[in-house]
């Protein structure tokens, strides 16, 4: 049961990220019927059909065939969405002018690094690099 829920949620996220709604999946039958109509009536291939209803030829096809307008409205993937997000980042100057930091700004380090040339690794294949 847990796997079924996980797969269902994953498919839901995948379909929504591609902007495919459940309503579009239900209307796929209308798409097939309308494609068969175009194939029999006009001899259109699937790519020409997609171009007439979703691509470059959409405007000219809708002008020429006003009688099919109700059928065109029933086709899937006709919805348009707009995403508008307003991101605001406000930084006030007075927040930093009067604040005091407890961390010292400059500090002297108390450390010393000395290169070690010891041969603890030997002549095995796992040796540290010879040059830096």
N, C-alpha and C. Protein backbone atom coordinates (compact mmCIF):
# COMPACT_ATOMS: atom_id res chain seq x y z
N UNK A 1 0.83 -1.19 0.00
CA UNK A 1 0.00 0.00 0.00
C UNK A 1 0.87 1.25 0.00
N UNK A 2 1.97 1.19 0.73
CA UNK A 2 2.87 2.33 0.82
C UNK A 2 3.49 2.63 -0.55
N UNK A 3 3.84 1.56 -1.29
CA UNK A 3 4.43 1.77 -2.61
C UNK A 3 3.42 2.36 -3.59
N UNK A 4 2.17 1.96 -3.48
CA UNK A 4 1.13 2.48 -4.38
C UNK A 4 0.93 3.97 -4.13
N UNK A 5 0.91 4.38 -2.88
CA UNK A 5 0.74 5.80 -2.55
C UNK A 5 1.96 6.59 -3.04
N UNK A 6 3.15 6.04 -2.87
CA UNK A 6 4.36 6.73 -3.31
C UNK A 6 4.38 6.89 -4.82
N UNK A 7 4.02 5.84 -5.54
CA UNK A 7 3.98 5.92 -7.00
C UNK A 7 2.90 6.90 -7.46
N UNK A 8 1.76 6.90 -6.79
CA UNK A 8 0.69 7.83 -7.15
C UNK A 8 1.09 9.28 -6.94
N UNK A 9 1.71 9.57 -5.83
CA UNK A 9 2.15 10.94 -5.56
C UNK A 9 3.25 11.35 -6.54
N UNK A 10 4.15 10.43 -6.86
CA UNK A 10 5.21 10.74 -7.82
C UNK A 10 4.64 11.05 -9.20
N UNK A 11 3.66 10.26 -9.64
CA UNK A 11 3.02 10.54 -10.92
C UNK A 11 2.27 11.86 -10.91
N UNK A 12 1.63 12.16 -9.80
CA UNK A 12 0.92 13.43 -9.67
C UNK A 12 1.87 14.61 -9.79
N UNK A 13 3.01 14.53 -9.12
CA UNK A 13 4.00 15.61 -9.20
C UNK A 13 4.57 15.72 -10.61
N UNK A 14 4.83 14.57 -11.24
CA UNK A 14 5.35 14.59 -12.61
C UNK A 14 4.37 15.23 -13.58
N UNK A 15 3.10 14.84 -13.50
CA UNK A 15 2.11 15.39 -14.41
C UNK A 15 1.86 16.87 -14.16
N UNK A 16 1.85 17.28 -12.91
CA UNK A 16 1.62 18.70 -12.62
C UNK A 16 2.81 19.55 -13.02
N UNK A 17 4.02 19.00 -12.95
CA UNK A 17 5.18 19.77 -13.38
C UNK A 17 5.18 19.95 -14.89
N UNK A 18 4.56 19.03 -15.62
CA UNK A 18 4.43 19.16 -17.07
C UNK A 18 3.15 19.90 -17.45
N UNK A 19 2.42 20.42 -16.48
CA UNK A 19 1.18 21.18 -16.66
C UNK A 19 0.09 20.33 -17.32
N UNK A 20 0.02 19.06 -16.91
CA UNK A 20 -1.02 18.16 -17.38
C UNK A 20 -1.98 17.92 -16.23
N UNK A 21 -3.24 18.28 -16.42
CA UNK A 21 -4.24 18.15 -15.38
C UNK A 21 -5.04 16.87 -15.59
N UNK A 22 -5.79 16.46 -14.57
CA UNK A 22 -6.62 15.27 -14.66
C UNK A 22 -7.69 15.44 -15.73
N UNK A 23 -8.17 16.66 -15.87
CA UNK A 23 -9.18 16.96 -16.89
C UNK A 23 -8.63 16.69 -18.29
N UNK A 24 -7.34 16.96 -18.51
CA UNK A 24 -6.72 16.69 -19.80
C UNK A 24 -6.68 15.20 -20.10
N UNK A 25 -6.42 14.40 -19.08
CA UNK A 25 -6.38 12.95 -19.28
C UNK A 25 -7.77 12.41 -19.62
N UNK A 26 -8.81 12.99 -19.04
CA UNK A 26 -10.18 12.56 -19.33
C UNK A 26 -10.56 12.95 -20.76
N UNK A 27 -10.07 14.09 -21.24
CA UNK A 27 -10.43 14.58 -22.56
C UNK A 27 -9.59 13.99 -23.69
N UNK A 28 -8.71 13.03 -23.41
CA UNK A 28 -7.91 12.42 -24.46
C UNK A 28 -8.78 11.69 -25.48
N UNK A 29 -9.93 11.18 -25.06
CA UNK A 29 -10.86 10.54 -26.00
C UNK A 29 -11.36 11.52 -27.05
N UNK A 30 -11.65 12.75 -26.62
CA UNK A 30 -12.08 13.79 -27.56
C UNK A 30 -10.97 14.10 -28.57
N UNK A 31 -9.73 14.07 -28.11
CA UNK A 31 -8.59 14.33 -28.99
C UNK A 31 -8.50 13.24 -30.06
N UNK A 32 -8.65 11.99 -29.67
CA UNK A 32 -8.59 10.88 -30.63
C UNK A 32 -9.74 10.97 -31.64
N UNK A 33 -10.95 11.26 -31.16
CA UNK A 33 -12.10 11.38 -32.06
C UNK A 33 -11.91 12.51 -33.06
N UNK A 34 -11.42 13.65 -32.58
CA UNK A 34 -11.24 14.81 -33.46
C UNK A 34 -10.11 14.55 -34.46
N UNK A 35 -9.08 13.82 -34.03
CA UNK A 35 -8.00 13.46 -34.96
C UNK A 35 -8.52 12.54 -36.05
N UNK A 36 -9.35 11.56 -35.68
CA UNK A 36 -9.92 10.66 -36.68
C UNK A 36 -10.79 11.43 -37.67
N UNK A 37 -11.53 12.42 -37.18
CA UNK A 37 -12.33 13.27 -38.06
C UNK A 37 -11.44 14.00 -39.05
N UNK A 38 -10.36 14.60 -38.56
CA UNK A 38 -9.45 15.34 -39.45
C UNK A 38 -8.76 14.40 -40.43
N UNK A 39 -8.45 13.20 -39.99
CA UNK A 39 -7.78 12.25 -40.86
C UNK A 39 -8.70 11.82 -42.00
N UNK A 40 -9.98 11.58 -41.69
CA UNK A 40 -10.93 11.15 -42.72
C UNK A 40 -11.37 12.31 -43.61
N UNK A 41 -11.63 13.47 -42.99
CA UNK A 41 -12.19 14.61 -43.73
C UNK A 41 -11.14 15.35 -44.55
N UNK A 42 -9.97 15.64 -43.94
CA UNK A 42 -8.96 16.46 -44.60
C UNK A 42 -7.70 15.69 -44.98
N UNK A 43 -7.55 14.46 -44.49
CA UNK A 43 -6.36 13.67 -44.78
C UNK A 43 -5.13 14.15 -44.03
N UNK A 44 -5.33 14.74 -42.85
CA UNK A 44 -4.21 15.27 -42.06
C UNK A 44 -3.48 14.16 -41.34
N UNK A 45 -2.16 14.28 -41.30
CA UNK A 45 -1.37 13.39 -40.45
C UNK A 45 -1.45 13.91 -39.01
N UNK A 46 -0.90 13.14 -38.08
CA UNK A 46 -0.99 13.56 -36.67
C UNK A 46 -0.21 14.85 -36.43
N UNK A 47 0.94 15.00 -37.07
CA UNK A 47 1.74 16.21 -36.87
C UNK A 47 1.03 17.45 -37.42
N UNK A 48 0.37 17.31 -38.55
CA UNK A 48 -0.40 18.43 -39.11
C UNK A 48 -1.58 18.75 -38.20
N UNK A 49 -2.22 17.70 -37.67
CA UNK A 49 -3.33 17.90 -36.74
C UNK A 49 -2.88 18.66 -35.50
N UNK A 50 -1.75 18.27 -34.93
CA UNK A 50 -1.22 18.96 -33.74
C UNK A 50 -0.87 20.40 -34.08
N UNK A 51 -0.30 20.62 -35.25
CA UNK A 51 0.05 21.98 -35.66
C UNK A 51 -1.20 22.84 -35.86
N UNK A 52 -2.29 22.24 -36.36
CA UNK A 52 -3.52 23.00 -36.57
C UNK A 52 -4.23 23.35 -35.27
N UNK A 53 -4.05 22.55 -34.24
CA UNK A 53 -4.78 22.78 -33.00
C UNK A 53 -3.93 23.32 -31.86
N UNK A 54 -2.60 23.16 -31.95
CA UNK A 54 -1.75 23.61 -30.85
C UNK A 54 -0.54 24.40 -31.34
N UNK A 55 -0.31 24.48 -32.64
CA UNK A 55 0.92 25.08 -33.14
C UNK A 55 0.72 26.30 -34.02
N UNK A 56 1.53 26.36 -35.07
CA UNK A 56 1.58 27.53 -35.94
C UNK A 56 0.30 27.74 -36.75
N UNK A 57 -0.35 26.67 -37.12
CA UNK A 57 -1.54 26.77 -37.98
C UNK A 57 -2.83 26.95 -37.20
N UNK A 58 -2.74 27.16 -35.89
CA UNK A 58 -3.94 27.23 -35.05
C UNK A 58 -4.83 28.42 -35.43
N UNK A 59 -4.24 29.58 -35.64
CA UNK A 59 -5.03 30.78 -35.93
C UNK A 59 -5.75 30.65 -37.28
N UNK A 60 -5.04 30.19 -38.29
CA UNK A 60 -5.68 30.07 -39.61
C UNK A 60 -6.73 28.97 -39.61
N UNK A 61 -6.50 27.88 -38.89
CA UNK A 61 -7.47 26.79 -38.83
C UNK A 61 -8.75 27.22 -38.10
N UNK A 62 -8.59 27.98 -37.03
CA UNK A 62 -9.78 28.42 -36.29
C UNK A 62 -10.58 29.45 -37.09
N UNK A 63 -9.90 30.26 -37.93
CA UNK A 63 -10.63 31.22 -38.77
C UNK A 63 -11.41 30.51 -39.89
N UNK A 64 -10.81 29.49 -40.49
CA UNK A 64 -11.44 28.81 -41.61
C UNK A 64 -12.59 27.91 -41.18
N UNK A 65 -12.48 27.32 -40.00
CA UNK A 65 -13.46 26.32 -39.57
C UNK A 65 -14.13 26.76 -38.27
N UNK A 66 -14.99 27.76 -38.37
CA UNK A 66 -15.72 28.26 -37.22
C UNK A 66 -16.76 27.25 -36.73
N UNK A 67 -17.23 26.38 -37.63
CA UNK A 67 -18.25 25.39 -37.25
C UNK A 67 -17.71 24.34 -36.29
N UNK A 68 -16.40 24.18 -36.23
CA UNK A 68 -15.78 23.20 -35.32
C UNK A 68 -15.36 23.82 -33.99
N UNK A 69 -15.72 25.05 -33.75
CA UNK A 69 -15.24 25.77 -32.56
C UNK A 69 -15.64 25.07 -31.26
N UNK A 70 -16.86 24.55 -31.18
CA UNK A 70 -17.30 23.86 -29.95
C UNK A 70 -16.50 22.59 -29.72
N UNK A 71 -16.15 21.89 -30.79
CA UNK A 71 -15.34 20.69 -30.65
C UNK A 71 -13.90 21.04 -30.26
N UNK A 72 -13.42 22.17 -30.75
CA UNK A 72 -12.06 22.60 -30.39
C UNK A 72 -11.96 22.97 -28.92
N UNK A 73 -13.03 23.50 -28.36
CA UNK A 73 -13.01 23.86 -26.93
C UNK A 73 -12.99 22.62 -26.03
N UNK A 74 -13.45 21.48 -26.54
CA UNK A 74 -13.46 20.24 -25.76
C UNK A 74 -12.12 19.51 -25.78
N UNK A 75 -11.19 19.94 -26.62
CA UNK A 75 -9.90 19.26 -26.72
C UNK A 75 -9.06 19.50 -25.46
N UNK A 76 -8.21 18.55 -25.10
CA UNK A 76 -7.37 18.74 -23.91
C UNK A 76 -6.22 19.72 -24.19
N UNK A 77 -5.57 20.13 -23.14
CA UNK A 77 -4.40 21.01 -23.17
C UNK A 77 -4.72 22.38 -23.74
N UNK A 78 -5.94 22.87 -23.54
CA UNK A 78 -6.34 24.19 -24.02
C UNK A 78 -6.25 25.26 -22.95
N UNK A 79 -5.97 24.87 -21.72
CA UNK A 79 -5.93 25.85 -20.63
C UNK A 79 -4.61 26.61 -20.67
N UNK A 80 -4.68 27.83 -20.24
CA UNK A 80 -3.48 28.65 -20.17
C UNK A 80 -3.30 29.07 -18.73
N UNK A 81 -2.09 28.94 -18.26
CA UNK A 81 -1.79 29.33 -16.89
C UNK A 81 -0.73 30.41 -16.89
N UNK A 82 -0.84 31.26 -15.91
CA UNK A 82 0.16 32.29 -15.73
C UNK A 82 0.67 32.21 -14.31
N UNK A 83 1.94 32.30 -14.18
CA UNK A 83 2.55 32.22 -12.86
C UNK A 83 3.24 33.55 -12.60
N UNK A 84 2.77 34.24 -11.61
CA UNK A 84 3.38 35.51 -11.24
C UNK A 84 3.76 35.45 -9.77
N UNK A 85 5.03 35.58 -9.52
CA UNK A 85 5.52 35.56 -8.15
C UNK A 85 6.28 36.84 -7.90
N UNK A 86 5.91 37.49 -6.85
CA UNK A 86 6.59 38.72 -6.48
C UNK A 86 7.56 38.41 -5.35
N UNK A 87 8.83 38.54 -5.64
CA UNK A 87 9.85 38.30 -4.64
C UNK A 87 10.41 39.65 -4.21
N UNK A 88 10.38 39.89 -2.93
CA UNK A 88 10.83 41.17 -2.41
C UNK A 88 11.87 40.90 -1.34
N UNK A 89 12.99 41.60 -1.44
CA UNK A 89 14.04 41.49 -0.44
C UNK A 89 14.38 42.90 0.01
N UNK A 90 14.09 43.21 1.25
CA UNK A 90 14.31 44.54 1.78
C UNK A 90 15.40 44.45 2.83
N UNK A 91 16.39 45.30 2.69
CA UNK A 91 17.50 45.32 3.63
C UNK A 91 17.65 46.75 4.13
N UNK A 92 17.38 46.94 5.39
CA UNK A 92 17.51 48.27 5.97
C UNK A 92 18.93 48.52 6.43
N UNK A 93 19.42 49.74 6.20
CA UNK A 93 20.79 50.09 6.57
C UNK A 93 20.92 50.18 8.08
N UNK A 94 19.91 50.67 8.77
CA UNK A 94 20.01 50.86 10.20
C UNK A 94 20.09 49.54 10.97
N UNK A 95 19.82 48.43 10.34
CA UNK A 95 19.94 47.15 11.02
C UNK A 95 21.39 46.80 11.31
N UNK A 96 22.31 47.28 10.47
CA UNK A 96 23.71 46.90 10.62
C UNK A 96 24.57 48.00 11.24
N UNK A 97 24.11 49.24 11.21
CA UNK A 97 24.93 50.33 11.72
C UNK A 97 25.08 50.25 13.24
N UNK A 98 24.01 50.00 13.94
CA UNK A 98 24.07 50.00 15.40
C UNK A 98 24.38 48.65 16.01
N UNK A 99 24.54 47.63 15.22
CA UNK A 99 24.76 46.31 15.80
C UNK A 99 26.23 46.08 16.09
N UNK A 100 26.48 45.35 17.15
CA UNK A 100 27.85 44.99 17.52
C UNK A 100 27.97 43.48 17.46
N UNK A 101 29.04 43.07 16.89
CA UNK A 101 29.29 41.65 16.76
C UNK A 101 30.17 41.18 17.90
N UNK A 102 29.86 40.03 18.45
CA UNK A 102 30.69 39.47 19.51
C UNK A 102 31.84 38.67 18.93
N UNK A 103 31.81 38.42 17.64
CA UNK A 103 32.91 37.71 16.99
C UNK A 103 33.94 38.75 16.58
N UNK A 104 35.19 38.58 16.95
CA UNK A 104 36.21 39.57 16.57
C UNK A 104 36.38 39.60 15.06
N UNK A 105 36.55 40.80 14.54
CA UNK A 105 36.65 40.97 13.09
C UNK A 105 38.00 40.45 12.60
N UNK A 106 39.07 40.82 13.27
CA UNK A 106 40.41 40.37 12.87
C UNK A 106 41.03 39.62 14.05
N UNK A 107 41.55 38.47 13.76
CA UNK A 107 42.23 37.72 14.82
C UNK A 107 43.48 37.10 14.25
N UNK A 108 44.49 37.00 15.11
CA UNK A 108 45.73 36.37 14.70
C UNK A 108 45.59 34.87 14.90
N UNK A 109 46.02 34.12 13.90
CA UNK A 109 45.97 32.68 14.03
C UNK A 109 47.16 32.18 14.83
N UNK A 110 46.95 31.17 15.59
CA UNK A 110 48.01 30.58 16.38
C UNK A 110 48.27 29.17 15.86
N UNK A 111 48.74 29.12 14.63
CA UNK A 111 49.03 27.82 14.06
C UNK A 111 50.26 27.95 13.18
N UNK A 112 50.89 26.82 12.93
CA UNK A 112 52.09 26.79 12.11
C UNK A 112 52.06 25.50 11.31
N UNK A 113 52.31 25.58 10.01
CA UNK A 113 52.31 24.41 9.16
C UNK A 113 53.73 24.12 8.73
N UNK A 114 54.15 22.91 8.94
CA UNK A 114 55.49 22.52 8.54
C UNK A 114 55.36 21.31 7.61
N UNK A 115 56.02 21.41 6.47
CA UNK A 115 55.95 20.33 5.49
C UNK A 115 56.72 19.13 6.02
N UNK A 116 56.07 18.00 5.96
CA UNK A 116 56.67 16.78 6.47
C UNK A 116 57.14 15.93 5.30
N UNK A 117 58.41 15.53 5.36
CA UNK A 117 58.95 14.68 4.32
C UNK A 117 59.18 13.26 4.82
N UNK A 118 58.39 12.83 5.74
CA UNK A 118 58.59 11.49 6.27
C UNK A 118 58.12 10.45 5.25
N UNK A 119 58.72 9.33 5.29
CA UNK A 119 58.40 8.27 4.35
C UNK A 119 57.56 7.20 5.03
N UNK A 120 56.46 7.62 5.62
CA UNK A 120 55.62 6.65 6.30
C UNK A 120 54.82 5.82 5.32
N UNK A 121 54.66 6.32 4.09
CA UNK A 121 53.86 5.61 3.11
C UNK A 121 54.67 4.51 2.42
N UNK A 122 55.96 4.65 2.38
CA UNK A 122 56.80 3.66 1.71
C UNK A 122 56.70 3.79 0.20
N UNK A 123 57.00 2.71 -0.49
CA UNK A 123 56.97 2.72 -1.96
C UNK A 123 55.75 2.00 -2.50
N UNK A 124 54.69 1.97 -1.75
CA UNK A 124 53.46 1.35 -2.20
C UNK A 124 52.79 2.21 -3.27
N UNK A 125 51.77 1.68 -3.94
CA UNK A 125 51.10 2.48 -4.99
C UNK A 125 50.31 3.66 -4.44
N UNK A 126 49.95 3.65 -3.14
CA UNK A 126 49.20 4.76 -2.56
C UNK A 126 50.15 5.71 -1.86
N UNK A 127 50.63 6.71 -2.58
CA UNK A 127 51.57 7.68 -2.03
C UNK A 127 51.00 9.08 -2.17
N UNK A 128 51.36 9.98 -1.28
CA UNK A 128 50.90 11.36 -1.43
C UNK A 128 51.60 11.99 -2.64
N UNK A 129 51.03 13.06 -3.20
CA UNK A 129 51.64 13.69 -4.37
C UNK A 129 53.00 14.26 -4.05
N UNK A 130 53.89 14.22 -5.03
CA UNK A 130 55.27 14.69 -4.83
C UNK A 130 55.34 16.21 -4.95
N UNK A 131 54.56 16.81 -5.84
CA UNK A 131 54.60 18.25 -6.04
C UNK A 131 53.20 18.82 -5.85
N UNK A 132 53.16 20.02 -5.34
CA UNK A 132 51.88 20.65 -5.11
C UNK A 132 51.60 21.70 -6.14
